[in-house]
Amino acid sequence: MTSYFIELNEYKPQNRKCAEMAEFANQFGNTLCPDKISFDAFKTELEAKVKELNEKYPKTMPLKISSGSGFIHIDQDLSLIHISEPTRP
């Protein structure tokens, strides 16, 4: 069974929208998702927050979320948050 450790790679927010997204994501930092279902639920929460912020700040460049096997990446041209599966020693 694969588990995921949420470690946030965060950069200085470009605007209020990015700052709000970072604040939301920070509450999940250094958290363990014990399985794929938990990871997918976390990803769904992030997608909902991205949609909410894009609607709240329509005049700014939209946040984009992309994901793959074991990672989620949210950005606004520059990387904002990247969450990945832990590497095994």
Protein backbone atom coordinates (compact mmCIF):
# COMPACT_ATOMS: atom_id res chain seq x y z
CA MET A 1 0.00 0.00 0.00
CA THR A 2 1.31 3.42 -0.93
CA SER A 3 1.15 6.32 1.48
CA TYR A 4 1.73 9.99 0.72
CA PHE A 5 3.45 12.55 2.88
CA ILE A 6 2.27 16.06 2.13
CA GLU A 7 5.29 18.31 2.09
CA LEU A 8 4.69 21.74 0.65
CA ASN A 9 7.22 23.46 -1.58
CA GLU A 10 6.01 27.01 -1.37
CA TYR A 11 7.23 30.20 -2.96
CA LYS A 12 6.47 33.82 -2.14
CA PRO A 13 2.84 34.48 -3.12
CA GLN A 14 2.47 36.75 -6.16
CA ASN A 15 -0.89 38.16 -5.07
CA ARG A 16 -3.78 37.74 -2.63
CA LYS A 17 -5.15 34.76 -4.53
CA CYS A 18 -1.86 32.86 -4.23
CA ALA A 19 -1.54 33.86 -0.58
CA GLU A 20 -5.02 32.49 0.19
CA MET A 21 -4.23 29.26 -1.65
CA ALA A 22 -0.97 28.87 0.25
CA GLU A 23 -2.72 29.56 3.56
CA PHE A 24 -5.32 26.89 2.75
CA ALA A 25 -2.70 24.34 1.72
CA ASN A 26 -0.47 25.06 4.73
CA GLN A 27 -3.04 23.53 7.05
CA PHE A 28 -2.25 20.18 5.41
CA GLY A 29 1.54 20.52 5.48
CA ASN A 30 3.53 17.67 7.01
CA THR A 31 0.50 15.40 6.94
CA LEU A 32 0.41 11.72 6.02
CA CYS A 33 -2.23 10.46 3.62
CA PRO A 34 -2.26 6.75 4.44
CA ASP A 35 -3.64 5.60 1.08
CA LYS A 36 -4.65 6.62 -2.44
CA ILE A 37 -8.25 7.31 -1.38
CA SER A 38 -7.10 9.90 1.19
CA PHE A 39 -4.74 11.43 -1.37
CA ASP A 40 -7.57 11.69 -3.92
CA ALA A 41 -9.86 13.29 -1.31
CA PHE A 42 -7.13 15.85 -0.55
CA LYS A 43 -6.73 16.55 -4.26
CA THR A 44 -10.50 17.10 -4.57
CA GLU A 45 -10.39 19.65 -1.73
CA LEU A 46 -7.56 21.50 -3.47
CA GLU A 47 -9.45 21.51 -6.77
CA ALA A 48 -12.51 23.00 -5.05
CA LYS A 49 -10.37 25.72 -3.43
CA VAL A 50 -8.70 26.54 -6.76
CA LYS A 51 -12.12 26.90 -8.40
CA GLU A 52 -13.38 29.07 -5.52
CA LEU A 53 -10.37 31.40 -5.69
CA ASN A 54 -10.49 31.67 -9.48
CA GLU A 55 -14.14 32.76 -9.18
CA LYS A 56 -13.35 35.16 -6.32
CA TYR A 57 -10.50 36.84 -8.25
CA PRO A 58 -11.64 36.79 -11.91
CA LYS A 59 -9.32 39.61 -13.01
CA THR A 60 -6.15 37.73 -12.08
CA MET A 61 -4.47 34.95 -13.98
CA PRO A 62 -6.22 31.70 -13.04
CA LEU A 63 -4.61 29.16 -10.77
CA LYS A 64 -4.05 25.82 -12.48
CA ILE A 65 -3.91 22.43 -10.85
CA SER A 66 -2.26 19.41 -12.40
CA SER A 67 -1.69 16.00 -10.92
CA GLY A 68 -0.33 12.60 -11.71
CA SER A 69 0.73 9.48 -9.92
CA GLY A 70 1.66 10.74 -6.47
CA PHE A 71 1.90 14.46 -7.10
CA ILE A 72 -0.24 17.58 -7.21
CA HIS A 73 1.03 20.82 -8.65
CA ILE A 74 -0.75 24.16 -8.31
CA ASP A 75 0.59 27.24 -10.01
CA GLN A 76 0.02 30.64 -11.49
CA ASP A 77 2.90 30.51 -13.97
CA LEU A 78 5.41 29.97 -11.16
CA SER A 79 5.15 26.95 -8.90
CA LEU A 80 3.04 27.60 -5.84
CA ILE A 81 2.57 24.17 -4.28
CA HIS A 82 3.96 20.78 -5.21
CA ILE A 83 3.01 17.69 -3.21
CA SER A 84 4.61 14.36 -3.96
CA GLU A 85 4.92 10.76 -2.91
CA PRO A 86 7.85 10.23 -0.55
CA THR A 87 10.95 8.63 -1.98
CA ARG A 88 12.01 5.36 -0.48
CA PRO A 89 15.62 4.95 0.70
